[in-house]
Amino acid sequence: MNALSEVKPNELMCISPEAFKDGMANLAGAVNIVTTVGKSGKVGFTATAVCSVSDYPATMLVCLNRNASVYQTFKDCNTLAINTLGVGQDNLSNLFGGKASMGDRFANGEWETLTTGSPILSNAAVSFDCIVIAKHSVATHDVMYCEVVAISQNASAGSLIYHQRSYQQISAKAD
């Protein structure tokens, strides 16, 4: 047994939210638009808190702040799509990450559906169509675990990432 295992979690010093945010600014993340369809229609938000969990079955997770305007719809949903943005799609990220109405958000870009009916961005770098299999509340967020049931890829889209509080564009590899 080491000394840390003898310390109770509430006895550990926590870092400040500001220090944590500064540290997270150094963690580059893919920019995604997460979408679903609820009672009031299509909804979506911008997220970098998305990652893979397992390749079999193909499972991902998405984190959503419980104070987000779309929270109740995603809380009630059992399907969603994760649309990973490509080069030049930072305008969509800003739109879905801001205060624009859902109508204005979805009026931009071309949208389709695959298996679940959740909106898929036609020219995203990759879109994962998912069934939500579990949800857990942690601190200020809910973590949604999602089994991927369909995928759409665009290898020429490149990648839009967020790093040091700004967008970075990564071009697709030339053949």
C-alpha atoms as a PDB file:
ATOM      1  CA  MET A   1       0.000   0.000   0.000  1.00  0.00           C
ATOM      2  CA  ASN A   2       1.377   3.419  -0.914  1.00  0.00           C
ATOM      3  CA  ALA A   3       0.855   6.723   0.874  1.00  0.00           C
ATOM      4  CA  LEU A   4      -1.618   8.033  -1.711  1.00  0.00           C
ATOM      5  CA  SER A   5      -3.939   5.047  -1.301  1.00  0.00           C
ATOM      6  CA  GLU A   6      -4.234   5.919   2.386  1.00  0.00           C
ATOM      7  CA  VAL A   7      -5.456   9.457   1.630  1.00  0.00           C
ATOM      8  CA  LYS A   8      -9.192   9.953   1.352  1.00  0.00           C
ATOM      9  CA  PRO A   9     -10.276  11.799  -1.846  1.00  0.00           C
ATOM     10  CA  ASN A  10     -11.684  14.807   0.033  1.00  0.00           C
ATOM     11  CA  GLU A  11      -8.327  15.252   1.789  1.00  0.00           C
ATOM     12  CA  LEU A  12      -6.485  15.792  -1.504  1.00  0.00           C
ATOM     13  CA  MET A  13      -5.947  19.353  -2.641  1.00  0.00           C
ATOM     14  CA  CYS A  14      -7.945  20.188  -5.724  1.00  0.00           C
ATOM     15  CA  ILE A  15      -6.631  22.524  -8.373  1.00  0.00           C
ATOM     16  CA  SER A  16      -8.653  25.610  -9.236  1.00  0.00           C
ATOM     17  CA  PRO A  17     -11.059  25.563 -12.163  1.00  0.00           C
ATOM     18  CA  GLU A  18      -8.892  28.214 -13.840  1.00  0.00           C
ATOM     19  CA  ALA A  19      -5.723  26.094 -13.544  1.00  0.00           C
ATOM     20  CA  PHE A  20      -7.595  23.097 -14.910  1.00  0.00           C
ATOM     21  CA  LYS A  21      -8.934  25.104 -17.873  1.00  0.00           C
ATOM     22  CA  ASP A  22      -5.439  26.445 -18.598  1.00  0.00           C
ATOM     23  CA  GLY A  23      -4.076  22.904 -18.564  1.00  0.00           C
ATOM     24  CA  MET A  24      -6.878  21.621 -20.789  1.00  0.00           C
ATOM     25  CA  ALA A  25      -6.072  24.343 -23.337  1.00  0.00           C
ATOM     26  CA  ASN A  26      -2.923  22.325 -24.046  1.00  0.00           C
ATOM     27  CA  LEU A  27      -4.935  19.199 -24.835  1.00  0.00           C
ATOM     28  CA  ALA A  28      -5.788  19.362 -28.523  1.00  0.00           C
ATOM     29  CA  GLY A  29      -9.214  17.971 -29.312  1.00  0.00           C
ATOM     30  CA  ALA A  30     -11.219  17.135 -32.409  1.00  0.00           C
ATOM     31  CA  VAL A  31     -14.178  19.467 -32.870  1.00  0.00           C
ATOM     32  CA  ASN A  32     -17.540  17.708 -33.115  1.00  0.00           C
ATOM     33  CA  ILE A  33     -21.164  18.637 -33.566  1.00  0.00           C
ATOM     34  CA  VAL A  34     -23.334  16.241 -31.585  1.00  0.00           C
ATOM     35  CA  THR A  35     -26.923  15.979 -32.817  1.00  0.00           C
ATOM     36  CA  THR A  36     -30.200  14.248 -32.053  1.00  0.00           C
ATOM     37  CA  VAL A  37     -33.916  14.631 -32.684  1.00  0.00           C
ATOM     38  CA  GLY A  38     -36.252  15.394 -29.804  1.00  0.00           C
ATOM     39  CA  LYS A  39     -39.891  16.356 -29.334  1.00  0.00           C
ATOM     40  CA  SER A  40     -39.164  19.866 -30.639  1.00  0.00           C
ATOM     41  CA  GLY A  41     -37.104  18.700 -33.638  1.00  0.00           C
ATOM     42  CA  LYS A  42     -33.399  18.597 -34.417  1.00  0.00           C
ATOM     43  CA  VAL A  43     -30.925  19.821 -31.785  1.00  0.00           C
ATOM     44  CA  GLY A  44     -27.144  19.951 -31.654  1.00  0.00           C
ATOM     45  CA  PHE A  45     -24.141  21.352 -29.843  1.00  0.00           C
ATOM     46  CA  THR A  46     -20.382  21.686 -30.341  1.00  0.00           C
ATOM     47  CA  ALA A  47     -18.179  19.397 -28.265  1.00  0.00           C
ATOM     48  CA  THR A  48     -14.537  18.470 -27.875  1.00  0.00           C
ATOM     49  CA  ALA A  49     -15.273  16.172 -24.910  1.00  0.00           C
ATOM     50  CA  VAL A  50     -15.742  13.131 -27.164  1.00  0.00           C
ATOM     51  CA  CYS A  51     -13.613   9.990 -27.332  1.00  0.00           C
ATOM     52  CA  SER A  52     -13.592   6.305 -28.163  1.00  0.00           C
ATOM     53  CA  VAL A  53     -14.188   3.779 -25.397  1.00  0.00           C
ATOM     54  CA  SER A  54     -13.952   0.425 -27.181  1.00  0.00           C
ATOM     55  CA  ASP A  55     -13.676  -0.972 -30.694  1.00  0.00           C
ATOM     56  CA  TYR A  56     -15.870  -4.005 -29.952  1.00  0.00           C
ATOM     57  CA  PRO A  57     -18.580  -3.217 -29.676  1.00  0.00           C
ATOM     58  CA  ALA A  58     -17.736   0.158 -31.194  1.00  0.00           C
ATOM     59  CA  THR A  59     -18.434   2.558 -28.326  1.00  0.00           C
ATOM     60  CA  MET A  60     -17.795   6.262 -27.795  1.00  0.00           C
ATOM     61  CA  LEU A  61     -18.533   8.780 -25.074  1.00  0.00           C
ATOM     62  CA  VAL A  62     -19.788  12.344 -25.176  1.00  0.00           C
ATOM     63  CA  CYS A  63     -19.836  14.794 -22.256  1.00  0.00           C
ATOM     64  CA  LEU A  64     -22.551  17.450 -21.977  1.00  0.00           C
ATOM     65  CA  ASN A  65     -22.870  20.208 -19.374  1.00  0.00           C
ATOM     66  CA  ARG A  66     -26.176  19.940 -17.528  1.00  0.00           C
ATOM     67  CA  ASN A  67     -26.602  23.740 -17.882  1.00  0.00           C
ATOM     68  CA  ALA A  68     -26.550  23.540 -21.695  1.00  0.00           C
ATOM     69  CA  SER A  69     -29.707  24.676 -23.483  1.00  0.00           C
ATOM     70  CA  VAL A  70     -29.935  21.282 -25.240  1.00  0.00           C
ATOM     71  CA  TYR A  71     -29.426  19.240 -22.070  1.00  0.00           C
ATOM     72  CA  GLN A  72     -33.029  18.111 -21.516  1.00  0.00           C
ATOM     73  CA  THR A  73     -33.394  16.908 -25.102  1.00  0.00           C
ATOM     74  CA  PHE A  74     -30.184  14.854 -24.896  1.00  0.00           C
ATOM     75  CA  LYS A  75     -31.152  13.581 -21.445  1.00  0.00           C
ATOM     76  CA  ASP A  76     -34.371  12.230 -22.951  1.00  0.00           C
ATOM     77  CA  CYS A  77     -32.851  10.862 -26.169  1.00  0.00           C
ATOM     78  CA  ASN A  78     -31.711   7.331 -26.892  1.00  0.00           C
ATOM     79  CA  THR A  79     -29.887   8.088 -30.149  1.00  0.00           C
ATOM     80  CA  LEU A  80     -27.374  10.691 -31.283  1.00  0.00           C
ATOM     81  CA  ALA A  81     -24.799  11.382 -33.978  1.00  0.00           C
ATOM     82  CA  ILE A  82     -21.233  12.574 -33.484  1.00  0.00           C
ATOM     83  CA  ASN A  83     -20.138  14.639 -36.500  1.00  0.00           C
ATOM     84  CA  THR A  84     -16.388  15.295 -36.482  1.00  0.00           C
ATOM     85  CA  LEU A  85     -15.628  18.514 -38.350  1.00  0.00           C
ATOM     86  CA  GLY A  86     -13.073  18.958 -41.106  1.00  0.00           C
ATOM     87  CA  VAL A  87     -10.978  21.800 -42.459  1.00  0.00           C
ATOM     88  CA  GLY A  88     -12.941  25.035 -42.933  1.00  0.00           C
ATOM     89  CA  GLN A  89     -15.914  24.042 -40.788  1.00  0.00           C
ATOM     90  CA  ASP A  90     -15.089  26.307 -37.838  1.00  0.00           C
ATOM     91  CA  ASN A  91     -18.096  28.485 -38.782  1.00  0.00           C
ATOM     92  CA  LEU A  92     -20.387  25.509 -38.033  1.00  0.00           C
ATOM     93  CA  SER A  93     -18.589  24.910 -34.752  1.00  0.00           C
ATOM     94  CA  ASN A  94     -19.155  28.535 -33.728  1.00  0.00           C
ATOM     95  CA  LEU A  95     -22.805  28.389 -34.773  1.00  0.00           C
ATOM     96  CA  PHE A  96     -23.550  25.192 -32.817  1.00  0.00           C
ATOM     97  CA  GLY A  97     -21.483  26.412 -29.873  1.00  0.00           C
ATOM     98  CA  GLY A  98     -23.261  29.762 -29.641  1.00  0.00           C
ATOM     99  CA  LYS A  99     -26.743  31.055 -28.978  1.00  0.00           C
ATOM    100  CA  ALA A 100     -28.162  30.624 -32.507  1.00  0.00           C
ATOM    101  CA  SER A 101     -31.575  28.996 -32.776  1.00  0.00           C
ATOM    102  CA  MET A 102     -31.718  25.346 -33.784  1.00  0.00           C
ATOM    103  CA  GLY A 103     -33.357  26.404 -37.037  1.00  0.00           C
ATOM    104  CA  ASP A 104     -30.401  28.677 -37.848  1.00  0.00           C
ATOM    105  CA  ARG A 105     -27.905  25.986 -36.847  1.00  0.00           C
ATOM    106  CA  PHE A 106     -29.402  23.335 -39.112  1.00  0.00           C
ATOM    107  CA  ALA A 107     -30.002  25.806 -41.972  1.00  0.00           C
ATOM    108  CA  ASN A 108     -26.223  25.697 -42.441  1.00  0.00           C
ATOM    109  CA  GLY A 109     -24.558  22.610 -43.850  1.00  0.00           C
ATOM    110  CA  GLU A 110     -26.174  19.687 -45.612  1.00  0.00           C
ATOM    111  CA  TRP A 111     -27.827  17.163 -43.315  1.00  0.00           C
ATOM    112  CA  GLU A 112     -28.961  13.600 -43.857  1.00  0.00           C
ATOM    113  CA  THR A 113     -29.658  10.533 -41.726  1.00  0.00           C
ATOM    114  CA  LEU A 114     -28.199   7.042 -41.573  1.00  0.00           C
ATOM    115  CA  THR A 115     -29.702   4.406 -39.248  1.00  0.00           C
ATOM    116  CA  THR A 116     -31.018   6.117 -36.107  1.00  0.00           C
ATOM    117  CA  GLY A 117     -32.531   9.253 -37.646  1.00  0.00           C
ATOM    118  CA  SER A 118     -30.096  11.585 -35.872  1.00  0.00           C
ATOM    119  CA  PRO A 119     -28.794  14.375 -38.147  1.00  0.00           C
ATOM    120  CA  ILE A 120     -25.558  13.525 -39.985  1.00  0.00           C
ATOM    121  CA  LEU A 121     -23.486  16.344 -41.513  1.00  0.00           C
ATOM    122  CA  SER A 122     -22.949  15.216 -45.118  1.00  0.00           C
ATOM    123  CA  ASN A 123     -19.426  16.604 -45.480  1.00  0.00           C
ATOM    124  CA  ALA A 124     -18.107  15.927 -41.964  1.00  0.00           C
ATOM    125  CA  ALA A 125     -14.704  14.255 -41.700  1.00  0.00           C
ATOM    126  CA  VAL A 126     -16.498  11.333 -40.055  1.00  0.00           C
ATOM    127  CA  SER A 127     -19.961  10.858 -38.568  1.00  0.00           C
ATOM    128  CA  PHE A 128     -20.836   8.203 -36.015  1.00  0.00           C
ATOM    129  CA  ASP A 129     -24.529   7.287 -35.778  1.00  0.00           C
ATOM    130  CA  CYS A 130     -25.156   5.958 -32.277  1.00  0.00           C
ATOM    131  CA  ILE A 131     -27.537   4.411 -29.801  1.00  0.00           C
ATOM    132  CA  VAL A 132     -27.081   5.774 -26.265  1.00  0.00           C
ATOM    133  CA  ILE A 133     -26.492   2.760 -24.009  1.00  0.00           C
ATOM    134  CA  ALA A 134     -25.705   4.442 -20.662  1.00  0.00           C
ATOM    135  CA  LYS A 135     -25.571   7.851 -18.978  1.00  0.00           C
ATOM    136  CA  HIS A 136     -23.711   8.903 -15.855  1.00  0.00           C
ATOM    137  CA  SER A 137     -23.596  12.221 -14.020  1.00  0.00           C
ATOM    138  CA  VAL A 138     -20.127  13.415 -13.019  1.00  0.00           C
ATOM    139  CA  ALA A 139     -19.589  16.845 -11.453  1.00  0.00           C
ATOM    140  CA  THR A 140     -21.273  19.389 -13.793  1.00  0.00           C
ATOM    141  CA  HIS A 141     -21.669  17.070 -16.785  1.00  0.00           C
ATOM    142  CA  ASP A 142     -23.449  13.959 -17.974  1.00  0.00           C
ATOM    143  CA  VAL A 143     -21.361  11.349 -19.758  1.00  0.00           C
ATOM    144  CA  MET A 144     -23.276   9.561 -22.507  1.00  0.00           C
ATOM    145  CA  TYR A 145     -21.919   6.199 -23.649  1.00  0.00           C
ATOM    146  CA  CYS A 146     -22.886   5.486 -27.239  1.00  0.00           C
ATOM    147  CA  GLU A 147     -22.733   2.321 -29.331  1.00  0.00           C
ATOM    148  CA  VAL A 148     -21.929   3.116 -32.962  1.00  0.00           C
ATOM    149  CA  VAL A 149     -24.404   1.507 -35.374  1.00  0.00           C
ATOM    150  CA  ALA A 150     -23.398   3.277 -38.609  1.00  0.00           C
ATOM    151  CA  ILE A 151     -20.525   5.414 -39.848  1.00  0.00           C
ATOM    152  CA  SER A 152     -19.941   7.825 -42.734  1.00  0.00           C
ATOM    153  CA  GLN A 153     -16.405   8.924 -43.619  1.00  0.00           C
ATOM    154  CA  ASN A 154     -14.853  11.604 -45.825  1.00  0.00           C
ATOM    155  CA  ALA A 155     -11.106  10.950 -45.952  1.00  0.00           C
ATOM    156  CA  SER A 156     -10.439  14.175 -47.875  1.00  0.00           C
ATOM    157  CA  ALA A 157     -12.034  16.464 -45.243  1.00  0.00           C
ATOM    158  CA  GLY A 158      -8.971  16.879 -43.053  1.00  0.00           C
ATOM    159  CA  SER A 159      -9.533  17.707 -39.403  1.00  0.00           C
ATOM    160  CA  LEU A 160     -10.592  20.699 -37.355  1.00  0.00           C
ATOM    161  CA  ILE A 161      -9.065  20.686 -33.891  1.00  0.00           C
ATOM    162  CA  TYR A 162      -9.202  23.062 -30.948  1.00  0.00           C
ATOM    163  CA  HIS A 163      -5.895  23.837 -29.214  1.00  0.00           C
ATOM    164  CA  GLN A 164      -4.713  26.776 -27.102  1.00  0.00           C
ATOM    165  CA  ARG A 165      -8.213  28.272 -27.275  1.00  0.00           C
ATOM    166  CA  SER A 166      -8.230  28.496 -31.074  1.00  0.00           C
ATOM    167  CA  TYR A 167      -9.011  26.385 -34.103  1.00  0.00           C
ATOM    168  CA  GLN A 168      -6.254  24.574 -35.969  1.00  0.00           C
ATOM    169  CA  GLN A 169      -6.739  23.076 -39.419  1.00  0.00           C
ATOM    170  CA  ILE A 170      -5.078  19.802 -40.385  1.00  0.00           C
ATOM    171  CA  SER A 171      -5.240  19.058 -44.089  1.00  0.00           C
ATOM    172  CA  ALA A 172      -5.953  15.557 -45.335  1.00  0.00           C
ATOM    173  CA  LYS A 173      -2.948  13.484 -46.279  1.00  0.00           C
ATOM    174  CA  ALA A 174      -2.217  13.544 -50.003  1.00  0.00           C
ATOM    175  CA  ASP A 175      -2.372  10.139 -51.697  1.00  0.00           C
END
